[in-house]
Amino acid sequence: MRIAPVIELSEVQRATLRRWARSRKTEVRLVQRAKIVLLAADHLSNKEIARQLGTDPGTVGRWRRRFAAGGLEAIQKEAPGRGRAPSPRLVSRILKKTTQEKPPGGATHWSTRTLAAAVGTGKDTVQRVWKQHHLQPHRTKTFKVSSDPHFEEKLRDVVGLYLNPPEHAIVLSVDEKSQIQSLNLTQKSLPMFPGRLGDLAP
């Protein structure tokens, strides 16, 4: 069993790591590595650090060892072989997280940056894996069912109204969508017929 090295920080190292961890301009990978080292210096286990940062203990252990061996300079460098195709194990982790796990913080889907930080790789690698496997987490095709306990009853009423409307019925449908502005109709409203609603001119 590999024992995690003890991390001791000088004042300069701690200040530098904190600056990297808080900076919005620092690359995501370096932000994560800085946080790993800071938590390791607080004597947290690799497993606990991984839990807090949403990554895995293997990634934590790797950067913990690299810092212990080479300090700040070591965690700024990429692992040997950067630019090569990602390993099958890394691809498997990216695919598993993308399709089976939810991102932290209540986000609805993974971004390349959040997933890259979670698995300890670069966002370009995540993007390449997604492209190879035709994954687009930001574009979902699922139907979102309401959590309203009376949803089924309301749905039956609405569908029934469309399928068998009473005589002289007028149905108004309001759908909230972003970035869609009201259009000024330039022609008369089109008549209603079964299966189609009429258009109401403003």
C-alpha atoms as a PDB file:
ATOM      1  CA  MET A   1       0.000   0.000   0.000  1.00  0.00           C
ATOM      2  CA  ARG A   2       1.454   3.349  -1.074  1.00  0.00           C
ATOM      3  CA  ILE A   3       1.722   5.894   1.752  1.00  0.00           C
ATOM      4  CA  ALA A   4       0.805   9.479   0.877  1.00  0.00           C
ATOM      5  CA  PRO A   5       3.741  11.848   1.438  1.00  0.00           C
ATOM      6  CA  VAL A   6       3.402  14.498   4.128  1.00  0.00           C
ATOM      7  CA  ILE A   7       3.147  17.997   2.647  1.00  0.00           C
ATOM      8  CA  GLU A   8       4.832  20.885   4.452  1.00  0.00           C
ATOM      9  CA  LEU A   9       4.497  24.373   2.948  1.00  0.00           C
ATOM     10  CA  SER A  10       6.613  27.469   3.351  1.00  0.00           C
ATOM     11  CA  GLU A  11       4.837  30.803   3.654  1.00  0.00           C
ATOM     12  CA  VAL A  12       5.757  31.645   0.067  1.00  0.00           C
ATOM     13  CA  GLN A  13       4.469  28.320  -1.244  1.00  0.00           C
ATOM     14  CA  ARG A  14       1.197  28.618   0.655  1.00  0.00           C
ATOM     15  CA  ALA A  15       0.627  32.180  -0.557  1.00  0.00           C
ATOM     16  CA  THR A  16       1.341  31.169  -4.156  1.00  0.00           C
ATOM     17  CA  LEU A  17      -0.954  28.157  -4.009  1.00  0.00           C
ATOM     18  CA  ARG A  18      -3.764  30.228  -2.507  1.00  0.00           C
ATOM     19  CA  ARG A  19      -3.373  32.804  -5.257  1.00  0.00           C
ATOM     20  CA  TRP A  20      -3.589  30.114  -7.928  1.00  0.00           C
ATOM     21  CA  ALA A  21      -6.562  28.447  -6.253  1.00  0.00           C
ATOM     22  CA  ARG A  22      -8.555  31.702  -6.114  1.00  0.00           C
ATOM     23  CA  SER A  23      -7.615  33.146  -9.493  1.00  0.00           C
ATOM     24  CA  ARG A  24     -10.191  33.129 -12.279  1.00  0.00           C
ATOM     25  CA  LYS A  25      -7.443  33.550 -14.850  1.00  0.00           C
ATOM     26  CA  THR A  26      -5.427  30.517 -13.782  1.00  0.00           C
ATOM     27  CA  GLU A  27      -5.891  27.367 -15.862  1.00  0.00           C
ATOM     28  CA  VAL A  28      -8.438  24.963 -14.374  1.00  0.00           C
ATOM     29  CA  ARG A  29      -5.915  22.154 -14.053  1.00  0.00           C
ATOM     30  CA  LEU A  30      -3.510  24.284 -12.032  1.00  0.00           C
ATOM     31  CA  VAL A  31      -6.351  25.565  -9.834  1.00  0.00           C
ATOM     32  CA  GLN A  32      -7.245  21.992  -8.954  1.00  0.00           C
ATOM     33  CA  ARG A  33      -3.637  21.016  -8.280  1.00  0.00           C
ATOM     34  CA  ALA A  34      -3.165  24.011  -5.998  1.00  0.00           C
ATOM     35  CA  LYS A  35      -6.272  23.050  -4.025  1.00  0.00           C
ATOM     36  CA  ILE A  36      -5.047  19.457  -3.757  1.00  0.00           C
ATOM     37  CA  VAL A  37      -1.719  20.541  -2.291  1.00  0.00           C
ATOM     38  CA  LEU A  38      -3.322  23.023   0.115  1.00  0.00           C
ATOM     39  CA  LEU A  39      -5.691  20.376   1.460  1.00  0.00           C
ATOM     40  CA  ALA A  40      -2.858  17.850   1.637  1.00  0.00           C
ATOM     41  CA  ALA A  41      -0.893  20.340   3.735  1.00  0.00           C
ATOM     42  CA  ASP A  42      -3.858  20.362   6.127  1.00  0.00           C
ATOM     43  CA  HIS A  43      -3.236  16.608   6.592  1.00  0.00           C
ATOM     44  CA  LEU A  44      -6.358  15.441   4.759  1.00  0.00           C
ATOM     45  CA  SER A  45      -6.325  11.993   3.172  1.00  0.00           C
ATOM     46  CA  ASN A  46      -6.337  11.558  -0.596  1.00  0.00           C
ATOM     47  CA  LYS A  47      -9.830  10.112  -0.369  1.00  0.00           C
ATOM     48  CA  GLU A  48     -11.187  13.107   1.552  1.00  0.00           C
ATOM     49  CA  ILE A  49      -9.491  15.597  -0.779  1.00  0.00           C
ATOM     50  CA  ALA A  50     -10.968  13.774  -3.768  1.00  0.00           C
ATOM     51  CA  ARG A  51     -14.419  13.929  -2.189  1.00  0.00           C
ATOM     52  CA  GLN A  52     -14.186  17.667  -1.543  1.00  0.00           C
ATOM     53  CA  LEU A  53     -12.889  18.505  -5.016  1.00  0.00           C
ATOM     54  CA  GLY A  54     -15.063  16.093  -6.976  1.00  0.00           C
ATOM     55  CA  THR A  55     -12.166  14.081  -8.392  1.00  0.00           C
ATOM     56  CA  ASP A  56     -10.641  10.675  -7.635  1.00  0.00           C
ATOM     57  CA  PRO A  57      -7.986   9.634  -5.096  1.00  0.00           C
ATOM     58  CA  GLY A  58      -5.599   8.555  -7.863  1.00  0.00           C
ATOM     59  CA  THR A  59      -5.462  12.077  -9.277  1.00  0.00           C
ATOM     60  CA  VAL A  60      -4.971  13.535  -5.800  1.00  0.00           C
ATOM     61  CA  GLY A  61      -2.186  11.096  -5.012  1.00  0.00           C
ATOM     62  CA  ARG A  62      -0.360  11.804  -8.266  1.00  0.00           C
ATOM     63  CA  TRP A  63      -0.183  15.574  -7.743  1.00  0.00           C
ATOM     64  CA  ARG A  64       0.530  15.193  -4.058  1.00  0.00           C
ATOM     65  CA  ARG A  65       3.582  13.071  -4.900  1.00  0.00           C
ATOM     66  CA  ARG A  66       4.709  15.402  -7.674  1.00  0.00           C
ATOM     67  CA  PHE A  67       4.589  18.411  -5.354  1.00  0.00           C
ATOM     68  CA  ALA A  68       6.451  16.526  -2.637  1.00  0.00           C
ATOM     69  CA  ALA A  69       9.162  15.689  -5.168  1.00  0.00           C
ATOM     70  CA  GLY A  70       9.444  18.966  -7.064  1.00  0.00           C
ATOM     71  CA  GLY A  71       7.517  21.737  -5.327  1.00  0.00           C
ATOM     72  CA  LEU A  72       5.568  24.449  -7.144  1.00  0.00           C
ATOM     73  CA  GLU A  73       7.414  23.956 -10.409  1.00  0.00           C
ATOM     74  CA  ALA A  74       6.435  20.281 -10.566  1.00  0.00           C
ATOM     75  CA  ILE A  75       2.690  20.880 -10.475  1.00  0.00           C
ATOM     76  CA  GLN A  76       2.892  23.554 -13.170  1.00  0.00           C
ATOM     77  CA  LYS A  77       4.242  21.025 -15.655  1.00  0.00           C
ATOM     78  CA  GLU A  78       2.087  18.591 -17.551  1.00  0.00           C
ATOM     79  CA  ALA A  79       2.592  14.892 -17.125  1.00  0.00           C
ATOM     80  CA  PRO A  80       4.995  13.314 -19.629  1.00  0.00           C
ATOM     81  CA  GLY A  81       3.411  12.531 -22.967  1.00  0.00           C
ATOM     82  CA  ARG A  82       0.961  15.456 -23.027  1.00  0.00           C
ATOM     83  CA  GLY A  83      -0.634  15.678 -26.449  1.00  0.00           C
ATOM     84  CA  ARG A  84      -0.888  11.927 -26.933  1.00  0.00           C
ATOM     85  CA  ALA A  85      -4.234  10.191 -27.124  1.00  0.00           C
ATOM     86  CA  PRO A  86      -5.846   9.791 -23.677  1.00  0.00           C
ATOM     87  CA  SER A  87      -5.496   6.367 -22.105  1.00  0.00           C
ATOM     88  CA  PRO A  88      -8.438   3.934 -22.291  1.00  0.00           C
ATOM     89  CA  ARG A  89      -8.830   4.272 -18.510  1.00  0.00           C
ATOM     90  CA  LEU A  90      -9.122   8.056 -18.747  1.00  0.00           C
ATOM     91  CA  VAL A  91     -11.579   7.806 -21.637  1.00  0.00           C
ATOM     92  CA  SER A  92     -13.666   5.365 -19.599  1.00  0.00           C
ATOM     93  CA  ARG A  93     -13.720   7.737 -16.610  1.00  0.00           C
ATOM     94  CA  ILE A  94     -14.731  10.687 -18.790  1.00  0.00           C
ATOM     95  CA  LEU A  95     -17.548   8.705 -20.408  1.00  0.00           C
ATOM     96  CA  LYS A  96     -18.766   7.321 -17.086  1.00  0.00           C
ATOM     97  CA  LYS A  97     -18.908  10.722 -15.408  1.00  0.00           C
ATOM     98  CA  THR A  98     -20.527  12.337 -18.444  1.00  0.00           C
ATOM     99  CA  THR A  99     -23.301   9.779 -18.781  1.00  0.00           C
ATOM    100  CA  GLN A 100     -23.821   8.421 -15.266  1.00  0.00           C
ATOM    101  CA  GLU A 101     -22.842  11.071 -12.730  1.00  0.00           C
ATOM    102  CA  LYS A 102     -24.148  14.532 -11.933  1.00  0.00           C
ATOM    103  CA  PRO A 103     -21.756  17.487 -11.726  1.00  0.00           C
ATOM    104  CA  PRO A 104     -21.238  19.184  -8.342  1.00  0.00           C
ATOM    105  CA  GLY A 105     -22.938  22.402  -7.346  1.00  0.00           C
ATOM    106  CA  GLY A 106     -26.373  21.533  -8.710  1.00  0.00           C
ATOM    107  CA  ALA A 107     -25.385  22.065 -12.355  1.00  0.00           C
ATOM    108  CA  THR A 108     -27.646  20.394 -14.912  1.00  0.00           C
ATOM    109  CA  HIS A 109     -24.818  19.057 -17.065  1.00  0.00           C
ATOM    110  CA  TRP A 110     -21.051  18.815 -17.229  1.00  0.00           C
ATOM    111  CA  SER A 111     -18.972  21.421 -19.034  1.00  0.00           C
ATOM    112  CA  THR A 112     -15.542  20.617 -20.454  1.00  0.00           C
ATOM    113  CA  ARG A 113     -13.937  22.640 -17.656  1.00  0.00           C
ATOM    114  CA  THR A 114     -15.846  21.091 -14.748  1.00  0.00           C
ATOM    115  CA  LEU A 115     -15.341  17.562 -16.026  1.00  0.00           C
ATOM    116  CA  ALA A 116     -11.674  18.193 -16.785  1.00  0.00           C
ATOM    117  CA  ALA A 117     -11.188  19.374 -13.204  1.00  0.00           C
ATOM    118  CA  ALA A 118     -13.049  16.339 -11.871  1.00  0.00           C
ATOM    119  CA  VAL A 119     -10.875  13.790 -13.672  1.00  0.00           C
ATOM    120  CA  GLY A 120      -7.623  15.753 -13.555  1.00  0.00           C
ATOM    121  CA  THR A 121      -7.074  16.341 -17.247  1.00  0.00           C
ATOM    122  CA  GLY A 122      -7.389  19.207 -19.714  1.00  0.00           C
ATOM    123  CA  LYS A 123     -10.620  20.538 -21.170  1.00  0.00           C
ATOM    124  CA  ASP A 124      -9.290  19.867 -24.673  1.00  0.00           C
ATOM    125  CA  THR A 125      -8.984  16.180 -23.821  1.00  0.00           C
ATOM    126  CA  VAL A 126     -12.570  16.088 -22.560  1.00  0.00           C
ATOM    127  CA  GLN A 127     -13.764  17.876 -25.671  1.00  0.00           C
ATOM    128  CA  ARG A 128     -11.895  15.423 -27.895  1.00  0.00           C
ATOM    129  CA  VAL A 129     -13.404  12.397 -26.112  1.00  0.00           C
ATOM    130  CA  TRP A 130     -16.902  13.880 -26.324  1.00  0.00           C
ATOM    131  CA  LYS A 131     -16.479  14.540 -30.025  1.00  0.00           C
ATOM    132  CA  GLN A 132     -15.194  11.023 -30.697  1.00  0.00           C
ATOM    133  CA  HIS A 133     -18.199   9.524 -28.914  1.00  0.00           C
ATOM    134  CA  HIS A 134     -20.755  12.040 -30.228  1.00  0.00           C
ATOM    135  CA  LEU A 135     -21.617  13.380 -26.773  1.00  0.00           C
ATOM    136  CA  GLN A 136     -23.171  16.810 -26.277  1.00  0.00           C
ATOM    137  CA  PRO A 137     -24.180  17.117 -22.603  1.00  0.00           C
ATOM    138  CA  HIS A 138     -25.461  20.670 -23.143  1.00  0.00           C
ATOM    139  CA  ARG A 139     -27.986  19.421 -25.702  1.00  0.00           C
ATOM    140  CA  THR A 140     -30.522  17.076 -24.166  1.00  0.00           C
ATOM    141  CA  LYS A 141     -33.395  15.361 -25.923  1.00  0.00           C
ATOM    142  CA  THR A 142     -35.194  14.100 -22.872  1.00  0.00           C
ATOM    143  CA  PHE A 143     -38.665  15.161 -21.805  1.00  0.00           C
ATOM    144  CA  LYS A 144     -38.700  16.893 -18.424  1.00  0.00           C
ATOM    145  CA  VAL A 145     -41.676  15.742 -16.385  1.00  0.00           C
ATOM    146  CA  SER A 146     -43.098  18.221 -13.894  1.00  0.00           C
ATOM    147  CA  SER A 147     -42.792  17.456 -10.193  1.00  0.00           C
ATOM    148  CA  ASP A 148     -46.348  18.730  -9.658  1.00  0.00           C
ATOM    149  CA  PRO A 149     -48.259  15.923  -7.860  1.00  0.00           C
ATOM    150  CA  HIS A 150     -51.313  16.754  -9.996  1.00  0.00           C
ATOM    151  CA  PHE A 151     -49.330  16.803 -13.240  1.00  0.00           C
ATOM    152  CA  GLU A 152     -50.887  13.643 -14.707  1.00  0.00           C
ATOM    153  CA  GLU A 153     -54.410  14.919 -14.084  1.00  0.00           C
ATOM    154  CA  LYS A 154     -53.624  18.300 -15.649  1.00  0.00           C
ATOM    155  CA  LEU A 155     -51.894  16.634 -18.584  1.00  0.00           C
ATOM    156  CA  ARG A 156     -54.974  14.548 -19.356  1.00  0.00           C
ATOM    157  CA  ASP A 157     -57.133  17.686 -19.305  1.00  0.00           C
ATOM    158  CA  VAL A 158     -54.850  19.575 -21.672  1.00  0.00           C
ATOM    159  CA  VAL A 159     -54.352  16.684 -24.088  1.00  0.00           C
ATOM    160  CA  GLY A 160     -58.068  15.961 -24.039  1.00  0.00           C
ATOM    161  CA  LEU A 161     -58.782  19.582 -24.920  1.00  0.00           C
ATOM    162  CA  TYR A 162     -56.510  19.354 -27.949  1.00  0.00           C
ATOM    163  CA  LEU A 163     -57.896  16.001 -29.092  1.00  0.00           C
ATOM    164  CA  ASN A 164     -61.563  16.761 -28.564  1.00  0.00           C
ATOM    165  CA  PRO A 165     -62.159  20.500 -28.094  1.00  0.00           C
ATOM    166  CA  PRO A 166     -65.682  21.702 -27.316  1.00  0.00           C
ATOM    167  CA  GLU A 167     -67.525  23.712 -29.935  1.00  0.00           C
ATOM    168  CA  HIS A 168     -66.344  27.337 -30.338  1.00  0.00           C
ATOM    169  CA  ALA A 169     -63.390  26.689 -28.017  1.00  0.00           C
ATOM    170  CA  ILE A 170     -60.370  28.987 -28.134  1.00  0.00           C
ATOM    171  CA  VAL A 171     -57.124  27.584 -26.787  1.00  0.00           C
ATOM    172  CA  LEU A 172     -54.325  29.915 -25.735  1.00  0.00           C
ATOM    173  CA  SER A 173     -50.916  28.308 -25.207  1.00  0.00           C
ATOM    174  CA  VAL A 174     -48.143  30.216 -23.430  1.00  0.00           C
ATOM    175  CA  ASP A 175     -44.606  28.845 -23.506  1.00  0.00           C
ATOM    176  CA  GLU A 176     -41.711  30.608 -21.795  1.00  0.00           C
ATOM    177  CA  LYS A 177     -38.592  30.493 -23.945  1.00  0.00           C
ATOM    178  CA  SER A 178     -35.465  32.609 -23.761  1.00  0.00           C
ATOM    179  CA  GLN A 179     -34.180  34.724 -26.645  1.00  0.00           C
ATOM    180  CA  ILE A 180     -37.468  34.555 -28.544  1.00  0.00           C
ATOM    181  CA  GLN A 181     -39.156  37.861 -29.211  1.00  0.00           C
ATOM    182  CA  SER A 182     -42.731  38.443 -30.250  1.00  0.00           C
ATOM    183  CA  LEU A 183     -43.076  38.626 -33.991  1.00  0.00           C
ATOM    184  CA  ASN A 184     -45.314  41.158 -35.652  1.00  0.00           C
ATOM    185  CA  LEU A 185     -47.513  39.218 -38.028  1.00  0.00           C
ATOM    186  CA  THR A 186     -47.799  40.823 -41.431  1.00  0.00           C
ATOM    187  CA  GLN A 187     -50.734  38.754 -42.625  1.00  0.00           C
ATOM    188  CA  LYS A 188     -54.162  37.848 -41.371  1.00  0.00           C
ATOM    189  CA  SER A 189     -54.498  35.108 -38.820  1.00  0.00           C
ATOM    190  CA  LEU A 190     -54.618  31.650 -40.290  1.00  0.00           C
ATOM    191  CA  PRO A 191     -57.842  29.713 -39.629  1.00  0.00           C
ATOM    192  CA  MET A 192     -57.970  26.822 -37.211  1.00  0.00           C
ATOM    193  CA  PHE A 193     -58.582  23.285 -38.330  1.00  0.00           C
ATOM    194  CA  PRO A 194     -58.286  19.905 -36.567  1.00  0.00           C
ATOM    195  CA  GLY A 195     -54.709  19.401 -35.433  1.00  0.00           C
ATOM    196  CA  ARG A 196     -53.747  23.052 -35.790  1.00  0.00           C
ATOM    197  CA  LEU A 197     -54.327  26.138 -33.652  1.00  0.00           C
ATOM    198  CA  GLY A 198     -55.075  29.506 -35.124  1.00  0.00           C
ATOM    199  CA  ASP A 199     -52.569  32.370 -35.010  1.00  0.00           C
ATOM    200  CA  LEU A 200     -53.663  35.478 -33.154  1.00  0.00           C
ATOM    201  CA  ALA A 201     -52.384  38.712 -34.644  1.00  0.00           C
ATOM    202  CA  PRO A 202     -51.264  41.352 -32.125  1.00  0.00           C
END
